[in-house]
């Protein structure tokens, strides 16, 4: 089952790359921006609970979808890019085994312990 879920996340990541290819940005923007959502981990400097909230907001796929759809509705390439990057990053993390975080420890995730 774990492998099946990782394949599903990989397919979604590849879908995000396809959507990015439809935007009017140079190819290098995708890898350059892909790790930016990890800046949300700065909350762990305060404590694990704050870190988990910040991390989970930035890594929730619904946020990326919502921002991307708002960008589509407004014909904003920048908002579509932000949504695609957030979504792609979350998919990439889940392929690597990083799930959403519980508030007790960075290593306690929705996909199990790291």
PDB file of N, CA and C in Angstrom:
ATOM      1  N   UNK A   1       0.817  -1.197   0.000  1.00  0.00           N
ATOM      2  CA  UNK A   1       0.000   0.000   0.000  1.00  0.00           C
ATOM      3  C   UNK A   1       0.860   1.261   0.000  1.00  0.00           C
ATOM      4  N   UNK A   2       1.950   1.231   0.775  1.00  0.00           N
ATOM      5  CA  UNK A   2       2.817   2.404   0.861  1.00  0.00           C
ATOM      6  C   UNK A   2       3.383   2.768  -0.525  1.00  0.00           C
ATOM      7  N   UNK A   3       3.775   1.764  -1.285  1.00  0.00           N
ATOM      8  CA  UNK A   3       4.319   2.007  -2.624  1.00  0.00           C
ATOM      9  C   UNK A   3       3.234   2.569  -3.545  1.00  0.00           C
ATOM     10  N   UNK A   4       2.025   2.069  -3.432  1.00  0.00           N
ATOM     11  CA  UNK A   4       0.913   2.557  -4.248  1.00  0.00           C
ATOM     12  C   UNK A   4       0.644   4.038  -3.968  1.00  0.00           C
ATOM     13  N   UNK A   5       0.693   4.430  -2.688  1.00  0.00           N
ATOM     14  CA  UNK A   5       0.489   5.827  -2.328  1.00  0.00           C
ATOM     15  C   UNK A   5       1.621   6.713  -2.855  1.00  0.00           C
ATOM     16  N   UNK A   6       2.842   6.206  -2.803  1.00  0.00           N
ATOM     17  CA  UNK A   6       3.975   6.981  -3.329  1.00  0.00           C
ATOM     18  C   UNK A   6       3.864   7.145  -4.845  1.00  0.00           C
ATOM     19  N   UNK A   7       3.393   6.111  -5.531  1.00  0.00           N
ATOM     20  CA  UNK A   7       3.198   6.217  -6.983  1.00  0.00           C
ATOM     21  C   UNK A   7       2.107   7.236  -7.312  1.00  0.00           C
ATOM     22  N   UNK A   8       1.073   7.275  -6.486  1.00  0.00           N
ATOM     23  CA  UNK A   8       0.011   8.263  -6.686  1.00  0.00           C
ATOM     24  C   UNK A   8       0.561   9.680  -6.516  1.00  0.00           C
ATOM     25  N   UNK A   9       1.373   9.885  -5.491  1.00  0.00           N
ATOM     26  CA  UNK A   9       1.978  11.201  -5.266  1.00  0.00           C
ATOM     27  C   UNK A   9       2.932  11.571  -6.405  1.00  0.00           C
ATOM     28  N   UNK A  10       3.670  10.591  -6.903  1.00  0.00           N
ATOM     29  CA  UNK A  10       4.572  10.838  -8.026  1.00  0.00           C
ATOM     30  C   UNK A  10       3.786  11.260  -9.261  1.00  0.00           C
ATOM     31  N   UNK A  11       2.663  10.600  -9.509  1.00  0.00           N
ATOM     32  CA  UNK A  11       1.817  10.970 -10.653  1.00  0.00           C
ATOM     33  C   UNK A  11       1.311  12.399 -10.499  1.00  0.00           C
ATOM     34  N   UNK A  12       0.946  12.785  -9.292  1.00  0.00           N
ATOM     35  CA  UNK A  12       0.485  14.156  -9.056  1.00  0.00           C
ATOM     36  C   UNK A  12       1.621  15.158  -9.253  1.00  0.00           C
ATOM     37  N   UNK A  13       2.824  14.791  -8.812  1.00  0.00           N
ATOM     38  CA  UNK A  13       3.994  15.652  -9.015  1.00  0.00           C
ATOM     39  C   UNK A  13       4.245  15.855 -10.506  1.00  0.00           C
ATOM     40  N   UNK A  14       4.187  14.771 -11.272  1.00  0.00           N
ATOM     41  CA  UNK A  14       4.375  14.879 -12.724  1.00  0.00           C
ATOM     42  C   UNK A  14       3.267  15.722 -13.356  1.00  0.00           C
ATOM     43  N   UNK A  15       2.052  15.619 -12.827  1.00  0.00           N
ATOM     44  CA  UNK A  15       0.960  16.468 -13.296  1.00  0.00           C
ATOM     45  C   UNK A  15       1.240  17.937 -13.029  1.00  0.00           C
ATOM     46  N   UNK A  16       1.837  18.235 -11.884  1.00  0.00           N
ATOM     47  CA  UNK A  16       2.199  19.617 -11.566  1.00  0.00           C
ATOM     48  C   UNK A  16       3.262  20.131 -12.523  1.00  0.00           C
ATOM     49  N   UNK A  17       4.215  19.279 -12.882  1.00  0.00           N
ATOM     50  CA  UNK A  17       5.225  19.682 -13.867  1.00  0.00           C
ATOM     51  C   UNK A  17       4.559  19.985 -15.203  1.00  0.00           C
ATOM     52  N   UNK A  18       3.604  19.159 -15.595  1.00  0.00           N
ATOM     53  CA  UNK A  18       2.874  19.400 -16.842  1.00  0.00           C
ATOM     54  C   UNK A  18       2.140  20.739 -16.777  1.00  0.00           C
ATOM     55  N   UNK A  19       1.442  21.010 -15.673  1.00  0.00           N
ATOM     56  CA  UNK A  19       0.728  22.287 -15.548  1.00  0.00           C
ATOM     57  C   UNK A  19       1.706  23.458 -15.599  1.00  0.00           C
ATOM     58  N   UNK A  20       2.864  23.306 -14.932  1.00  0.00           N
ATOM     59  CA  UNK A  20       3.874  24.358 -14.989  1.00  0.00           C
ATOM     60  C   UNK A  20       4.314  24.618 -16.423  1.00  0.00           C
ATOM     61  N   UNK A  21       4.428  23.563 -17.214  1.00  0.00           N
ATOM     62  CA  UNK A  21       4.889  23.720 -18.598  1.00  0.00           C
ATOM     63  C   UNK A  21       3.918  24.549 -19.432  1.00  0.00           C
ATOM     64  N   UNK A  22       2.686  24.694 -18.978  1.00  0.00           N
ATOM     65  CA  UNK A  22       1.686  25.488 -19.695  1.00  0.00           C
ATOM     66  C   UNK A  22       1.748  26.972 -19.330  1.00  0.00           C
ATOM     67  N   UNK A  23       2.544  27.303 -18.316  1.00  0.00           N
ATOM     68  CA  UNK A  23       2.708  28.703 -17.928  1.00  0.00           C
ATOM     69  C   UNK A  23       3.827  29.345 -18.733  1.00  0.00           C
ATOM     70  N   UNK A  24       3.862  30.660 -18.721  1.00  0.00           N
ATOM     71  CA  UNK A  24       4.875  31.395 -19.484  1.00  0.00           C
ATOM     72  C   UNK A  24       6.078  31.769 -18.621  1.00  0.00           C
ATOM     73  N   UNK A  25       6.689  30.762 -18.010  1.00  0.00           N
ATOM     74  CA  UNK A  25       7.894  30.963 -17.208  1.00  0.00           C
ATOM     75  C   UNK A  25       8.993  30.079 -17.772  1.00  0.00           C
ATOM     76  N   UNK A  26      10.230  30.548 -17.648  1.00  0.00           N
ATOM     77  CA  UNK A  26      11.370  29.728 -18.061  1.00  0.00           C
ATOM     78  C   UNK A  26      11.393  28.464 -17.213  1.00  0.00           C
ATOM     79  N   UNK A  27      11.920  27.373 -17.770  1.00  0.00           N
ATOM     80  CA  UNK A  27      11.919  26.065 -17.097  1.00  0.00           C
ATOM     81  C   UNK A  27      12.600  26.099 -15.742  1.00  0.00           C
ATOM     82  N   UNK A  28      13.622  26.944 -15.588  1.00  0.00           N
ATOM     83  CA  UNK A  28      14.418  26.950 -14.362  1.00  0.00           C
ATOM     84  C   UNK A  28      13.657  27.497 -13.161  1.00  0.00           C
ATOM     85  N   UNK A  29      12.533  28.172 -13.376  1.00  0.00           N
ATOM     86  CA  UNK A  29      11.740  28.666 -12.258  1.00  0.00           C
ATOM     87  C   UNK A  29      11.224  27.521 -11.390  1.00  0.00           C
ATOM     88  N   UNK A  30      10.849  26.412 -12.024  1.00  0.00           N
ATOM     89  CA  UNK A  30      10.287  25.290 -11.269  1.00  0.00           C
ATOM     90  C   UNK A  30      11.283  24.748 -10.243  1.00  0.00           C
ATOM     91  N   UNK A  31      12.483  24.316 -10.649  1.00  0.00           N
ATOM     92  CA  UNK A  31      13.419  23.816  -9.621  1.00  0.00           C
ATOM     93  C   UNK A  31      13.896  24.911  -8.668  1.00  0.00           C
ATOM     94  N   UNK A  32      13.968  26.146  -9.152  1.00  0.00           N
ATOM     95  CA  UNK A  32      14.439  27.236  -8.296  1.00  0.00           C
ATOM     96  C   UNK A  32      13.469  27.513  -7.146  1.00  0.00           C
ATOM     97  N   UNK A  33      12.179  27.337  -7.391  1.00  0.00           N
ATOM     98  CA  UNK A  33      11.167  27.645  -6.383  1.00  0.00           C
ATOM     99  C   UNK A  33      10.688  26.426  -5.592  1.00  0.00           C
ATOM    100  N   UNK A  34      11.023  25.257  -6.032  1.00  0.00           N
ATOM    101  CA  UNK A  34      10.437  24.029  -5.501  1.00  0.00           C
ATOM    102  C   UNK A  34      10.660  23.826  -4.004  1.00  0.00           C
ATOM    103  N   UNK A  35      11.753  24.278  -3.461  1.00  0.00           N
ATOM    104  CA  UNK A  35      12.030  24.068  -2.037  1.00  0.00           C
ATOM    105  C   UNK A  35      11.588  25.231  -1.139  1.00  0.00           C
ATOM    106  N   UNK A  36      11.073  26.301  -1.730  1.00  0.00           N
ATOM    107  CA  UNK A  36      10.662  27.460  -0.931  1.00  0.00           C
ATOM    108  C   UNK A  36       9.622  27.141   0.148  1.00  0.00           C
ATOM    109  N   UNK A  37       8.656  26.254  -0.091  1.00  0.00           N
ATOM    110  CA  UNK A  37       7.698  25.961   0.990  1.00  0.00           C
ATOM    111  C   UNK A  37       8.344  25.435   2.266  1.00  0.00           C
ATOM    112  N   UNK A  38       9.561  24.931   2.177  1.00  0.00           N
ATOM    113  CA  UNK A  38      10.233  24.444   3.378  1.00  0.00           C
ATOM    114  C   UNK A  38      10.667  25.572   4.312  1.00  0.00           C
ATOM    115  N   UNK A  39      10.580  26.812   3.853  1.00  0.00           N
ATOM    116  CA  UNK A  39      10.840  27.934   4.752  1.00  0.00           C
ATOM    117  C   UNK A  39       9.836  27.961   5.898  1.00  0.00           C
ATOM    118  N   UNK A  40       8.715  27.297   5.708  1.00  0.00           N
ATOM    119  CA  UNK A  40       7.703  27.228   6.768  1.00  0.00           C
ATOM    120  C   UNK A  40       8.202  26.496   8.004  1.00  0.00           C
ATOM    121  N   UNK A  41       9.294  25.756   7.874  1.00  0.00           N
ATOM    122  CA  UNK A  41       9.856  25.039   9.028  1.00  0.00           C
ATOM    123  C   UNK A  41      10.468  25.989  10.050  1.00  0.00           C
ATOM    124  N   UNK A  42      10.570  27.264   9.717  1.00  0.00           N
ATOM    125  CA  UNK A  42      11.154  28.237  10.640  1.00  0.00           C
ATOM    126  C   UNK A  42      10.375  28.278  11.952  1.00  0.00           C
ATOM    127  N   UNK A  43       9.108  27.890  11.906  1.00  0.00           N
ATOM    128  CA  UNK A  43       8.291  27.858  13.117  1.00  0.00           C
ATOM    129  C   UNK A  43       8.819  26.908  14.171  1.00  0.00           C
ATOM    130  N   UNK A  44       9.585  25.911  13.760  1.00  0.00           N
ATOM    131  CA  UNK A  44      10.161  24.972  14.719  1.00  0.00           C
ATOM    132  C   UNK A  44      11.206  25.638  15.615  1.00  0.00           C
ATOM    133  N   UNK A  45      11.680  26.818  15.239  1.00  0.00           N
ATOM    134  CA  UNK A  45      12.598  27.565  16.098  1.00  0.00           C
ATOM    135  C   UNK A  45      11.861  27.992  17.368  1.00  0.00           C
ATOM    136  N   UNK A  46      10.563  28.293  17.241  1.00  0.00           N
ATOM    137  CA  UNK A  46       9.760  28.706  18.395  1.00  0.00           C
ATOM    138  C   UNK A  46       9.443  27.489  19.264  1.00  0.00           C
ATOM    139  N   UNK A  47       8.754  26.513  18.671  1.00  0.00           N
ATOM    140  CA  UNK A  47       8.466  25.248  19.353  1.00  0.00           C
ATOM    141  C   UNK A  47       7.804  24.297  18.353  1.00  0.00           C
ATOM    142  N   UNK A  48       7.714  23.005  18.696  1.00  0.00           N
ATOM    143  CA  UNK A  48       7.158  22.034  17.747  1.00  0.00           C
ATOM    144  C   UNK A  48       5.701  22.304  17.346  1.00  0.00           C
ATOM    145  N   UNK A  49       4.907  22.835  18.259  1.00  0.00           N
ATOM    146  CA  UNK A  49       3.500  23.085  17.943  1.00  0.00           C
ATOM    147  C   UNK A  49       3.369  24.196  16.894  1.00  0.00           C
ATOM    148  N   UNK A  50       4.078  25.287  17.080  1.00  0.00           N
ATOM    149  CA  UNK A  50       4.052  26.390  16.106  1.00  0.00           C
ATOM    150  C   UNK A  50       4.642  25.915  14.783  1.00  0.00           C
ATOM    151  N   UNK A  51       5.719  25.185  14.860  1.00  0.00           N
ATOM    152  CA  UNK A  51       6.351  24.656  13.656  1.00  0.00           C
ATOM    153  C   UNK A  51       5.404  23.769  12.873  1.00  0.00           C
ATOM    154  N   UNK A  52       4.673  22.905  13.576  1.00  0.00           N
ATOM    155  CA  UNK A  52       3.743  21.997  12.900  1.00  0.00           C
ATOM    156  C   UNK A  52       2.626  22.763  12.202  1.00  0.00           C
ATOM    157  N   UNK A  53       2.094  23.782  12.857  1.00  0.00           N
ATOM    158  CA  UNK A  53       1.022  24.579  12.240  1.00  0.00           C
ATOM    159  C   UNK A  53       1.532  25.266  10.981  1.00  0.00           C
ATOM    160  N   UNK A  54       2.668  25.922  11.081  1.00  0.00           N
ATOM    161  CA  UNK A  54       3.224  26.628   9.910  1.00  0.00           C
ATOM    162  C   UNK A  54       3.556  25.650   8.781  1.00  0.00           C
ATOM    163  N   UNK A  55       4.177  24.534   9.144  1.00  0.00           N
ATOM    164  CA  UNK A  55       4.537  23.528   8.151  1.00  0.00           C
ATOM    165  C   UNK A  55       3.289  22.969   7.479  1.00  0.00           C
ATOM    166  N   UNK A  56       2.289  22.622   8.271  1.00  0.00           N
ATOM    167  CA  UNK A  56       1.077  22.000   7.723  1.00  0.00           C
ATOM    168  C   UNK A  56       0.294  22.953   6.821  1.00  0.00           C
ATOM    169  N   UNK A  57       0.273  24.228   7.148  1.00  0.00           N
ATOM    170  CA  UNK A  57      -0.409  25.194   6.274  1.00  0.00           C
ATOM    171  C   UNK A  57       0.293  25.240   4.919  1.00  0.00           C
ATOM    172  N   UNK A  58       1.612  25.370   4.936  1.00  0.00           N
ATOM    173  CA  UNK A  58       2.368  25.490   3.687  1.00  0.00           C
ATOM    174  C   UNK A  58       2.410  24.191   2.891  1.00  0.00           C
ATOM    175  N   UNK A  59       2.192  23.058   3.545  1.00  0.00           N
ATOM    176  CA  UNK A  59       2.312  21.765   2.875  1.00  0.00           C
ATOM    177  C   UNK A  59       0.970  21.072   2.641  1.00  0.00           C
ATOM    178  N   UNK A  60      -0.119  21.786   2.876  1.00  0.00           N
ATOM    179  CA  UNK A  60      -1.437  21.207   2.624  1.00  0.00           C
ATOM    180  C   UNK A  60      -1.764  21.402   1.145  1.00  0.00           C
ATOM    181  N   UNK A  61      -2.026  20.319   0.460  1.00  0.00           N
ATOM    182  CA  UNK A  61      -2.249  20.398  -0.984  1.00  0.00           C
ATOM    183  C   UNK A  61      -3.450  21.262  -1.352  1.00  0.00           C
ATOM    184  N   UNK A  62      -4.436  21.327  -0.471  1.00  0.00           N
ATOM    185  CA  UNK A  62      -5.622  22.144  -0.760  1.00  0.00           C
ATOM    186  C   UNK A  62      -5.249  23.618  -0.913  1.00  0.00           C
ATOM    187  N   UNK A  63      -4.255  24.087  -0.170  1.00  0.00           N
ATOM    188  CA  UNK A  63      -3.824  25.484  -0.300  1.00  0.00           C
ATOM    189  C   UNK A  63      -3.261  25.733  -1.693  1.00  0.00           C
ATOM    190  N   UNK A  64      -2.415  24.833  -2.169  1.00  0.00           N
ATOM    191  CA  UNK A  64      -1.862  24.975  -3.518  1.00  0.00           C
ATOM    192  C   UNK A  64      -2.949  24.942  -4.578  1.00  0.00           C
ATOM    193  N   UNK A  65      -3.902  24.033  -4.423  1.00  0.00           N
ATOM    194  CA  UNK A  65      -5.011  23.941  -5.383  1.00  0.00           C
ATOM    195  C   UNK A  65      -5.827  25.224  -5.360  1.00  0.00           C
ATOM    196  N   UNK A  66      -6.159  25.721  -4.160  1.00  0.00           N
ATOM    197  CA  UNK A  66      -6.957  26.934  -4.034  1.00  0.00           C
ATOM    198  C   UNK A  66      -6.264  28.135  -4.672  1.00  0.00           C
ATOM    199  N   UNK A  67      -4.995  28.318  -4.351  1.00  0.00           N
ATOM    200  CA  UNK A  67      -4.250  29.447  -4.927  1.00  0.00           C
ATOM    201  C   UNK A  67      -4.153  29.306  -6.446  1.00  0.00           C
ATOM    202  N   UNK A  68      -3.904  28.097  -6.924  1.00  0.00           N
ATOM    203  CA  UNK A  68      -3.834  27.872  -8.367  1.00  0.00           C
ATOM    204  C   UNK A  68      -5.158  28.168  -9.056  1.00  0.00           C
ATOM    205  N   UNK A  69      -6.267  27.763  -8.440  1.00  0.00           N
ATOM    206  CA  UNK A  69      -7.583  28.030  -9.040  1.00  0.00           C
ATOM    207  C   UNK A  69      -7.938  29.513  -9.017  1.00  0.00           C
ATOM    208  N   UNK A  70      -7.550  30.203  -7.934  1.00  0.00           N
ATOM    209  CA  UNK A  70      -7.754  31.658  -7.894  1.00  0.00           C
ATOM    210  C   UNK A  70      -6.939  32.305  -9.013  1.00  0.00           C
ATOM    211  N   UNK A  71      -5.717  31.843  -9.198  1.00  0.00           N
ATOM    212  CA  UNK A  71      -4.881  32.353 -10.292  1.00  0.00           C
ATOM    213  C   UNK A  71      -5.508  32.092 -11.644  1.00  0.00           C
ATOM    214  N   UNK A  72      -6.086  30.917 -11.816  1.00  0.00           N
ATOM    215  CA  UNK A  72      -6.758  30.589 -13.076  1.00  0.00           C
ATOM    216  C   UNK A  72      -7.958  31.503 -13.304  1.00  0.00           C
ATOM    217  N   UNK A  73      -8.758  31.705 -12.251  1.00  0.00           N
ATOM    218  CA  UNK A  73      -9.942  32.561 -12.357  1.00  0.00           C
ATOM    219  C   UNK A  73      -9.575  34.008 -12.649  1.00  0.00           C
ATOM    220  N   UNK A  74      -8.441  34.440 -12.100  1.00  0.00           N
ATOM    221  CA  UNK A  74      -7.999  35.829 -12.296  1.00  0.00           C
ATOM    222  C   UNK A  74      -7.044  35.979 -13.469  1.00  0.00           C
ATOM    223  N   UNK A  75      -6.764  34.896 -14.148  1.00  0.00           N
ATOM    224  CA  UNK A  75      -5.794  34.884 -15.253  1.00  0.00           C
ATOM    225  C   UNK A  75      -4.437  35.418 -14.792  1.00  0.00           C
ATOM    226  N   UNK A  76      -4.040  35.009 -13.565  1.00  0.00           N
ATOM    227  CA  UNK A  76      -2.766  35.438 -12.995  1.00  0.00           C
ATOM    228  C   UNK A  76      -1.760  34.296 -13.074  1.00  0.00           C
ATOM    229  N   UNK A  77      -0.791  34.438 -13.956  1.00  0.00           N
ATOM    230  CA  UNK A  77       0.252  33.425 -14.091  1.00  0.00           C
ATOM    231  C   UNK A  77       1.043  33.264 -12.789  1.00  0.00           C
ATOM    232  N   UNK A  78       1.258  34.356 -12.074  1.00  0.00           N
ATOM    233  CA  UNK A  78       2.036  34.294 -10.835  1.00  0.00           C
ATOM    234  C   UNK A  78       1.295  33.471  -9.786  1.00  0.00           C
ATOM    235  N   UNK A  79      -0.007  33.708  -9.610  1.00  0.00           N
ATOM    236  CA  UNK A  79      -0.768  32.917  -8.637  1.00  0.00           C
ATOM    237  C   UNK A  79      -0.854  31.457  -9.050  1.00  0.00           C
ATOM    238  N   UNK A  80      -0.999  31.205 -10.342  1.00  0.00           N
ATOM    239  CA  UNK A  80      -0.998  29.812 -10.795  1.00  0.00           C
ATOM    240  C   UNK A  80       0.348  29.164 -10.492  1.00  0.00           C
ATOM    241  N   UNK A  81       1.433  29.892 -10.701  1.00  0.00           N
ATOM    242  CA  UNK A  81       2.769  29.375 -10.384  1.00  0.00           C
ATOM    243  C   UNK A  81       2.894  29.055  -8.899  1.00  0.00           C
ATOM    244  N   UNK A  82       2.455  29.963  -8.039  1.00  0.00           N
ATOM    245  CA  UNK A  82       2.528  29.732  -6.593  1.00  0.00           C
ATOM    246  C   UNK A  82       1.748  28.474  -6.227  1.00  0.00           C
ATOM    247  N   UNK A  83       0.545  28.335  -6.756  1.00  0.00           N
ATOM    248  CA  UNK A  83      -0.265  27.159  -6.469  1.00  0.00           C
ATOM    249  C   UNK A  83       0.384  25.872  -6.937  1.00  0.00           C
ATOM    250  N   UNK A  84       0.928  25.903  -8.136  1.00  0.00           N
ATOM    251  CA  UNK A  84       1.586  24.711  -8.687  1.00  0.00           C
ATOM    252  C   UNK A  84       2.812  24.340  -7.861  1.00  0.00           C
ATOM    253  N   UNK A  85       3.594  25.326  -7.464  1.00  0.00           N
ATOM    254  CA  UNK A  85       4.792  25.061  -6.663  1.00  0.00           C
ATOM    255  C   UNK A  85       4.407  24.469  -5.304  1.00  0.00           C
ATOM    256  N   UNK A  86       3.407  25.044  -4.641  1.00  0.00           N
ATOM    257  CA  UNK A  86       2.973  24.507  -3.347  1.00  0.00           C
ATOM    258  C   UNK A  86       2.488  23.065  -3.485  1.00  0.00           C
ATOM    259  N   UNK A  87       1.683  22.818  -4.505  1.00  0.00           N
ATOM    260  CA  UNK A  87       1.152  21.483  -4.734  1.00  0.00           C
ATOM    261  C   UNK A  87       2.275  20.497  -5.070  1.00  0.00           C
ATOM    262  N   UNK A  88       3.152  20.884  -5.988  1.00  0.00           N
ATOM    263  CA  UNK A  88       4.249  19.999  -6.408  1.00  0.00           C
ATOM    264  C   UNK A  88       5.168  19.681  -5.237  1.00  0.00           C
ATOM    265  N   UNK A  89       5.473  20.692  -4.432  1.00  0.00           N
ATOM    266  CA  UNK A  89       6.362  20.469  -3.292  1.00  0.00           C
ATOM    267  C   UNK A  89       5.738  19.472  -2.316  1.00  0.00           C
ATOM    268  N   UNK A  90       4.452  19.626  -2.050  1.00  0.00           N
ATOM    269  CA  UNK A  90       3.776  18.706  -1.131  1.00  0.00           C
ATOM    270  C   UNK A  90       3.790  17.282  -1.673  1.00  0.00           C
ATOM    271  N   UNK A  91       3.570  17.133  -2.964  1.00  0.00           N
ATOM    272  CA  UNK A  91       3.633  15.800  -3.586  1.00  0.00           C
ATOM    273  C   UNK A  91       5.036  15.217  -3.462  1.00  0.00           C
ATOM    274  N   UNK A  92       6.036  16.038  -3.750  1.00  0.00           N
ATOM    275  CA  UNK A  92       7.425  15.586  -3.676  1.00  0.00           C
ATOM    276  C   UNK A  92       7.773  15.134  -2.255  1.00  0.00           C
ATOM    277  N   UNK A  93       7.338  15.907  -1.261  1.00  0.00           N
ATOM    278  CA  UNK A  93       7.594  15.529   0.127  1.00  0.00           C
ATOM    279  C   UNK A  93       6.955  14.190   0.464  1.00  0.00           C
ATOM    280  N   UNK A  94       5.741  13.978   0.001  1.00  0.00           N
ATOM    281  CA  UNK A  94       5.044  12.737   0.335  1.00  0.00           C
ATOM    282  C   UNK A  94       5.672  11.537  -0.368  1.00  0.00           C
ATOM    283  N   UNK A  95       6.205  11.747  -1.561  1.00  0.00           N
ATOM    284  CA  UNK A  95       6.942  10.665  -2.222  1.00  0.00           C
ATOM    285  C   UNK A  95       8.153  10.281  -1.364  1.00  0.00           C
ATOM    286  N   UNK A  96       8.779  11.274  -0.756  1.00  0.00           N
ATOM    287  CA  UNK A  96       9.956  11.043   0.078  1.00  0.00           C
ATOM    288  C   UNK A  96       9.596  10.550   1.488  1.00  0.00           C
ATOM    289  N   UNK A  97       8.300  10.479   1.794  1.00  0.00           N
ATOM    290  CA  UNK A  97       7.881   9.969   3.096  1.00  0.00           C
ATOM    291  C   UNK A  97       7.605  11.021   4.145  1.00  0.00           C
ATOM    292  N   UNK A  98       7.630  12.302   3.762  1.00  0.00           N
ATOM    293  CA  UNK A  98       7.352  13.382   4.695  1.00  0.00           C
ATOM    294  C   UNK A  98       5.879  13.754   4.612  1.00  0.00           C
ATOM    295  N   UNK A  99       5.154  13.468   5.669  1.00  0.00           N
ATOM    296  CA  UNK A  99       3.738  13.820   5.713  1.00  0.00           C
ATOM    297  C   UNK A  99       3.527  15.096   6.498  1.00  0.00           C
ATOM    298  N   UNK A 100       2.267  15.412   6.719  1.00  0.00           N
ATOM    299  CA  UNK A 100       1.932  16.536   7.578  1.00  0.00           C
ATOM    300  C   UNK A 100       2.364  16.205   8.999  1.00  0.00           C
ATOM    301  N   UNK A 101       2.645  17.237   9.786  1.00  0.00           N
ATOM    302  CA  UNK A 101       3.267  17.043  11.100  1.00  0.00           C
ATOM    303  C   UNK A 101       2.259  17.106  12.243  1.00  0.00           C
ATOM    304  N   UNK A 102       2.514  16.261  13.247  1.00  0.00           N
ATOM    305  CA  UNK A 102       1.820  16.384  14.524  1.00  0.00           C
ATOM    306  C   UNK A 102       2.575  17.415  15.351  1.00  0.00           C
ATOM    307  N   UNK A 103       1.902  17.979  16.362  1.00  0.00           N
ATOM    308  CA  UNK A 103       2.524  19.101  17.076  1.00  0.00           C
ATOM    309  C   UNK A 103       3.511  18.713  18.175  1.00  0.00           C
ATOM    310  N   UNK A 104       3.830  17.437  18.298  1.00  0.00           N
ATOM    311  CA  UNK A 104       4.774  17.035  19.341  1.00  0.00           C
ATOM    312  C   UNK A 104       6.215  16.914  18.857  1.00  0.00           C
ATOM    313  N   UNK A 105       6.395  16.663  17.536  1.00  0.00           N
ATOM    314  CA  UNK A 105       7.748  16.460  17.020  1.00  0.00           C
ATOM    315  C   UNK A 105       7.754  16.556  15.499  1.00  0.00           C
ATOM    316  N   UNK A 106       8.825  17.097  14.949  1.00  0.00           N
ATOM    317  CA  UNK A 106       8.965  17.170  13.496  1.00  0.00           C
ATOM    318  C   UNK A 106       8.937  15.781  12.874  1.00  0.00           C
ATOM    319  N   UNK A 107       9.444  14.807  13.602  1.00  0.00           N
ATOM    320  CA  UNK A 107       9.554  13.449  13.063  1.00  0.00           C
ATOM    321  C   UNK A 107       8.264  12.645  13.171  1.00  0.00           C
ATOM    322  N   UNK A 108       7.234  13.182  13.826  1.00  0.00           N
ATOM    323  CA  UNK A 108       5.948  12.505  13.965  1.00  0.00           C
ATOM    324  C   UNK A 108       5.016  13.036  12.865  1.00  0.00           C
ATOM    325  N   UNK A 109       4.838  12.240  11.805  1.00  0.00           N
ATOM    326  CA  UNK A 109       4.078  12.705  10.646  1.00  0.00           C
ATOM    327  C   UNK A 109       2.860  11.840  10.374  1.00  0.00           C
ATOM    328  N   UNK A 110       2.015  12.337   9.508  1.00  0.00           N
ATOM    329  CA  UNK A 110       0.818  11.609   9.112  1.00  0.00           C
ATOM    330  C   UNK A 110       1.154  10.316   8.366  1.00  0.00           C
ATOM    331  N   UNK A 111       2.360  10.208   7.860  1.00  0.00           N
ATOM    332  CA  UNK A 111       2.792   9.000   7.153  1.00  0.00           C
ATOM    333  C   UNK A 111       3.608   8.068   8.029  1.00  0.00           C
ATOM    334  N   UNK A 112       3.697   8.389   9.312  1.00  0.00           N
ATOM    335  CA  UNK A 112       4.471   7.566  10.229  1.00  0.00           C
ATOM    336  C   UNK A 112       5.697   8.318  10.732  1.00  0.00           C
ATOM    337  N   UNK A 113       6.503   7.650  11.501  1.00  0.00           N
ATOM    338  CA  UNK A 113       7.708   8.270  12.072  1.00  0.00           C
ATOM    339  C   UNK A 113       8.803   8.344  11.017  1.00  0.00           C
ATOM    340  N   UNK A 114       9.554   9.428  11.057  1.00  0.00           N
ATOM    341  CA  UNK A 114      10.695   9.582  10.141  1.00  0.00           C
ATOM    342  C   UNK A 114      11.912   8.896  10.720  1.00  0.00           C
TER     343      UNK A 114
END
